[in-house]
Every structure is written in structure tokens, then in C-alpha cells.
N, C-alpha and C. Protein backbone atom coordinates (compact mmCIF):
# COMPACT_ATOMS: atom_id res chain seq x y z
N UNK A 1 93.60 91.31 -21.18
CA UNK A 1 92.97 91.23 -22.49
C UNK A 1 91.61 90.59 -22.32
N UNK A 2 90.58 91.22 -22.90
CA UNK A 2 89.23 90.69 -22.76
C UNK A 2 89.00 89.56 -23.76
N UNK A 3 87.93 88.82 -23.54
CA UNK A 3 87.59 87.72 -24.45
C UNK A 3 87.34 88.24 -25.85
N UNK A 4 86.71 89.41 -25.97
CA UNK A 4 86.43 89.96 -27.31
C UNK A 4 87.72 90.35 -28.02
N UNK A 5 88.73 90.83 -27.26
CA UNK A 5 90.03 91.14 -27.86
C UNK A 5 90.70 89.88 -28.38
N UNK A 6 90.58 88.81 -27.61
CA UNK A 6 91.18 87.54 -28.01
C UNK A 6 90.53 87.02 -29.28
N UNK A 7 89.20 87.07 -29.35
CA UNK A 7 88.48 86.62 -30.54
C UNK A 7 88.86 87.47 -31.74
N UNK A 8 88.88 88.78 -31.57
CA UNK A 8 89.25 89.68 -32.67
C UNK A 8 90.68 89.40 -33.13
N UNK A 9 91.57 89.15 -32.19
CA UNK A 9 92.96 88.84 -32.53
C UNK A 9 93.07 87.54 -33.31
N UNK A 10 92.28 86.54 -32.92
CA UNK A 10 92.28 85.26 -33.63
C UNK A 10 91.74 85.44 -35.05
N UNK A 11 90.71 86.23 -35.18
CA UNK A 11 90.13 86.47 -36.51
C UNK A 11 91.08 87.27 -37.39
N UNK A 12 91.76 88.25 -36.82
CA UNK A 12 92.74 89.03 -37.57
C UNK A 12 93.89 88.13 -38.01
N UNK A 13 94.32 87.23 -37.13
CA UNK A 13 95.39 86.28 -37.48
C UNK A 13 94.95 85.36 -38.61
N UNK A 14 93.70 84.95 -38.59
CA UNK A 14 93.17 84.10 -39.65
C UNK A 14 93.16 84.85 -40.99
N UNK A 15 92.75 86.11 -40.97
CA UNK A 15 92.80 86.93 -42.18
C UNK A 15 94.23 87.03 -42.70
N UNK A 16 95.15 87.33 -41.81
CA UNK A 16 96.56 87.47 -42.19
C UNK A 16 97.08 86.17 -42.81
N UNK A 17 96.73 85.04 -42.20
CA UNK A 17 97.15 83.74 -42.71
C UNK A 17 96.59 83.48 -44.11
N UNK A 18 95.31 83.77 -44.31
CA UNK A 18 94.67 83.54 -45.60
C UNK A 18 95.26 84.44 -46.69
N UNK A 19 95.59 85.68 -46.31
CA UNK A 19 96.08 86.64 -47.30
C UNK A 19 97.58 86.50 -47.55
N UNK A 20 98.26 85.69 -46.77
CA UNK A 20 99.70 85.47 -46.96
C UNK A 20 100.00 84.92 -48.35
N UNK A 21 99.06 84.18 -48.94
CA UNK A 21 99.24 83.63 -50.27
C UNK A 21 99.34 84.68 -51.36
N UNK A 22 98.97 85.91 -51.05
CA UNK A 22 99.10 87.01 -52.00
C UNK A 22 100.49 87.66 -51.90
N UNK A 23 101.35 87.09 -51.08
CA UNK A 23 102.71 87.59 -50.88
C UNK A 23 102.74 89.10 -50.62
N UNK A 24 101.99 89.56 -49.63
CA UNK A 24 101.91 91.00 -49.42
C UNK A 24 103.25 91.62 -49.04
N UNK A 25 103.53 92.76 -49.64
CA UNK A 25 104.72 93.52 -49.25
C UNK A 25 104.40 94.33 -48.00
N UNK A 26 103.11 94.60 -47.80
CA UNK A 26 102.65 95.20 -46.56
C UNK A 26 101.20 94.80 -46.36
N UNK A 27 100.83 94.67 -45.10
CA UNK A 27 99.45 94.34 -44.77
C UNK A 27 99.14 94.90 -43.39
N UNK A 28 97.99 95.53 -43.29
CA UNK A 28 97.50 96.05 -42.02
C UNK A 28 96.07 95.57 -41.88
N UNK A 29 95.76 94.97 -40.75
CA UNK A 29 94.42 94.47 -40.48
C UNK A 29 93.90 95.22 -39.26
N UNK A 30 92.83 95.96 -39.47
CA UNK A 30 92.30 96.84 -38.45
C UNK A 30 90.92 96.35 -38.03
N UNK A 31 90.75 96.10 -36.74
CA UNK A 31 89.45 95.69 -36.22
C UNK A 31 88.59 96.94 -36.04
N UNK A 32 87.53 97.04 -36.81
CA UNK A 32 86.62 98.18 -36.73
C UNK A 32 85.28 97.79 -36.13
N UNK A 33 85.24 96.66 -35.46
CA UNK A 33 83.98 96.16 -34.91
C UNK A 33 83.32 97.16 -33.97
N UNK A 34 84.12 97.87 -33.20
CA UNK A 34 83.56 98.83 -32.24
C UNK A 34 82.80 99.95 -32.93
N UNK A 35 83.09 100.21 -34.20
CA UNK A 35 82.39 101.25 -34.94
C UNK A 35 81.00 100.81 -35.40
N UNK A 36 80.71 99.52 -35.24
CA UNK A 36 79.48 98.95 -35.75
C UNK A 36 78.62 98.35 -34.63
N UNK A 37 78.82 98.82 -33.42
CA UNK A 37 78.04 98.31 -32.29
C UNK A 37 76.55 98.51 -32.58
N UNK A 38 75.78 97.46 -32.34
CA UNK A 38 74.35 97.52 -32.58
C UNK A 38 73.95 97.09 -33.99
N UNK A 39 74.90 97.02 -34.88
CA UNK A 39 74.65 96.56 -36.25
C UNK A 39 74.30 95.08 -36.21
N UNK A 40 73.51 94.61 -37.16
CA UNK A 40 73.04 93.22 -37.15
C UNK A 40 74.19 92.22 -37.03
N UNK A 41 75.24 92.39 -37.81
CA UNK A 41 76.36 91.46 -37.75
C UNK A 41 77.06 91.51 -36.41
N UNK A 42 77.19 92.69 -35.85
CA UNK A 42 77.84 92.84 -34.55
C UNK A 42 77.01 92.17 -33.46
N UNK A 43 75.70 92.28 -33.54
CA UNK A 43 74.84 91.65 -32.54
C UNK A 43 75.00 90.13 -32.55
N UNK A 44 75.32 89.57 -33.72
CA UNK A 44 75.50 88.13 -33.84
C UNK A 44 76.92 87.69 -33.51
N UNK A 45 77.78 88.62 -33.11
CA UNK A 45 79.14 88.28 -32.71
C UNK A 45 80.15 88.29 -33.83
N UNK A 46 79.76 88.71 -35.02
CA UNK A 46 80.70 88.75 -36.14
C UNK A 46 81.51 90.05 -36.08
N UNK A 47 82.66 90.03 -36.71
CA UNK A 47 83.60 91.15 -36.67
C UNK A 47 83.56 91.96 -37.96
N UNK A 48 84.00 93.21 -37.84
CA UNK A 48 84.18 94.10 -38.98
C UNK A 48 85.66 94.46 -39.04
N UNK A 49 86.27 94.25 -40.20
CA UNK A 49 87.69 94.56 -40.36
C UNK A 49 87.93 95.43 -41.58
N UNK A 50 89.02 96.15 -41.53
CA UNK A 50 89.56 96.88 -42.69
C UNK A 50 90.93 96.27 -42.96
N UNK A 51 91.18 95.91 -44.22
CA UNK A 51 92.46 95.36 -44.64
C UNK A 51 93.09 96.33 -45.62
N UNK A 52 94.31 96.73 -45.31
CA UNK A 52 95.10 97.57 -46.21
C UNK A 52 96.26 96.70 -46.65
N UNK A 53 96.30 96.37 -47.94
CA UNK A 53 97.25 95.38 -48.41
C UNK A 53 97.88 95.81 -49.73
N UNK A 54 99.19 95.62 -49.82
CA UNK A 54 99.93 95.84 -51.06
C UNK A 54 100.52 94.50 -51.47
N UNK A 55 100.41 94.20 -52.76
CA UNK A 55 100.89 92.90 -53.24
C UNK A 55 101.34 93.01 -54.69
N UNK A 56 102.41 92.31 -55.04
CA UNK A 56 102.82 92.28 -56.44
C UNK A 56 101.77 91.60 -57.33
N UNK A 57 100.89 90.79 -56.73
CA UNK A 57 99.83 90.13 -57.49
C UNK A 57 98.80 91.12 -58.03
N UNK A 58 98.80 92.33 -57.49
CA UNK A 58 97.83 93.34 -57.90
C UNK A 58 98.31 94.14 -59.12
N UNK A 59 99.55 93.97 -59.51
CA UNK A 59 100.11 94.73 -60.63
C UNK A 59 99.28 94.49 -61.89
N UNK A 60 98.91 95.57 -62.55
CA UNK A 60 98.16 95.49 -63.79
C UNK A 60 96.68 95.22 -63.63
N UNK A 61 96.21 95.11 -62.40
CA UNK A 61 94.80 94.83 -62.14
C UNK A 61 94.07 96.07 -61.68
N UNK A 62 92.82 96.18 -62.05
CA UNK A 62 91.97 97.25 -61.55
C UNK A 62 91.51 96.96 -60.14
N UNK A 63 90.85 97.91 -59.55
CA UNK A 63 90.40 97.80 -58.17
C UNK A 63 89.48 96.60 -57.95
N UNK A 64 88.54 96.39 -58.84
CA UNK A 64 87.61 95.27 -58.69
C UNK A 64 88.34 93.93 -58.71
N UNK A 65 89.27 93.76 -59.63
CA UNK A 65 90.03 92.51 -59.72
C UNK A 65 90.89 92.30 -58.48
N UNK A 66 91.45 93.38 -57.94
CA UNK A 66 92.25 93.27 -56.70
C UNK A 66 91.37 92.80 -55.55
N UNK A 67 90.19 93.40 -55.44
CA UNK A 67 89.27 93.03 -54.36
C UNK A 67 88.84 91.58 -54.51
N UNK A 68 88.63 91.14 -55.74
CA UNK A 68 88.25 89.73 -55.95
C UNK A 68 89.34 88.78 -55.48
N UNK A 69 90.60 89.14 -55.72
CA UNK A 69 91.70 88.29 -55.24
C UNK A 69 91.66 88.15 -53.72
N UNK A 70 91.36 89.26 -53.04
CA UNK A 70 91.27 89.22 -51.57
C UNK A 70 90.07 88.38 -51.16
N UNK A 71 88.89 88.67 -51.71
CA UNK A 71 87.69 87.93 -51.34
C UNK A 71 87.80 86.45 -51.65
N UNK A 72 88.47 86.09 -52.73
CA UNK A 72 88.63 84.67 -53.06
C UNK A 72 89.31 83.91 -51.94
N UNK A 73 90.16 84.57 -51.18
CA UNK A 73 90.91 83.92 -50.10
C UNK A 73 90.16 83.88 -48.77
N UNK A 74 89.11 84.70 -48.64
CA UNK A 74 88.43 84.80 -47.34
C UNK A 74 86.91 84.61 -47.43
N UNK A 75 86.39 84.29 -48.60
CA UNK A 75 84.94 84.28 -48.80
C UNK A 75 84.20 83.36 -47.83
N UNK A 76 84.82 82.27 -47.41
CA UNK A 76 84.14 81.35 -46.52
C UNK A 76 84.04 81.88 -45.08
N UNK A 77 84.71 82.98 -44.79
CA UNK A 77 84.64 83.58 -43.45
C UNK A 77 83.50 84.60 -43.34
N UNK A 78 82.88 84.90 -44.48
CA UNK A 78 81.84 85.92 -44.53
C UNK A 78 80.50 85.23 -44.79
N UNK A 79 79.45 85.46 -44.05
CA UNK A 79 79.21 86.54 -43.11
C UNK A 79 79.58 86.22 -41.66
N UNK A 80 80.05 85.03 -41.39
CA UNK A 80 80.45 84.74 -40.02
C UNK A 80 81.68 83.85 -40.05
N UNK A 81 82.68 84.18 -39.37
CA UNK A 81 82.83 85.07 -38.22
C UNK A 81 83.12 86.53 -38.58
N UNK A 82 83.29 86.83 -39.87
CA UNK A 82 83.54 88.21 -40.28
C UNK A 82 82.33 88.71 -41.04
N UNK A 83 81.70 89.73 -40.51
CA UNK A 83 80.48 90.25 -41.12
C UNK A 83 80.79 91.21 -42.26
N UNK A 84 81.83 92.01 -42.09
CA UNK A 84 82.15 93.01 -43.12
C UNK A 84 83.66 93.15 -43.24
N UNK A 85 84.09 93.39 -44.48
CA UNK A 85 85.51 93.55 -44.76
C UNK A 85 85.69 94.71 -45.73
N UNK A 86 86.29 95.78 -45.25
CA UNK A 86 86.63 96.90 -46.11
C UNK A 86 88.06 96.65 -46.62
N UNK A 87 88.28 96.89 -47.91
CA UNK A 87 89.56 96.54 -48.52
C UNK A 87 90.17 97.75 -49.21
N UNK A 88 91.43 97.99 -48.90
CA UNK A 88 92.23 99.01 -49.58
C UNK A 88 93.43 98.29 -50.16
N UNK A 89 93.62 98.36 -51.48
CA UNK A 89 94.70 97.62 -52.12
C UNK A 89 95.64 98.56 -52.88
N UNK A 90 96.86 98.10 -53.04
CA UNK A 90 97.81 98.77 -53.91
C UNK A 90 98.83 97.74 -54.37
N UNK A 91 99.46 98.03 -55.51
CA UNK A 91 100.49 97.10 -55.97
C UNK A 91 101.79 97.43 -55.25
N UNK A 92 102.63 96.44 -55.11
CA UNK A 92 103.90 96.63 -54.41
C UNK A 92 104.88 97.37 -55.28
């Protein structure tokens, strides 16, 4: 395992830990940093992730409100160590 894999794994674990408070029925955290090679955030060592998450907390909420719930839990990680976060949400 390379050092970059270890860092990405630690950052993914941190995302998972932060989002656990949303009681996800499913969560997938995908490191997409390799798709952004050369991008400003990538040059600075920050990661790009996609989070696919289902949670009962999303019931009755629109897409924007769901995204806000996610960002509220991880906002201090942006723009470093996570430069970008794509979010896909659904209710459980």
C-alpha cells in the first residue's frame, strides 16, 4: 500500500466517522482524487471524494437540505484535507 493510499484511507475513515451521526443505512465513500490530477486542490495534497449515503434523517427533506446535513458534519475538512466532495443522498 502506498503512502497516498494510506492517506486516502485515513481521510475516507474520517468522513465515515463524521457521517456516522446521520445513522446511515448505507454509505459508500469513493476516492476520486486520481480523476483530478493536476487540479489545484490535488496539487496541494487534498483529496476528492464522492459520498453515496442513505439516511432516515433525509426523510422529507429536499436535495439541498440533505446536502447541508452532510456538509454540516464535514465542513471543517474542506478545503483541506478534502478539496472536493460530491454527494449523492437518499432516504432510507
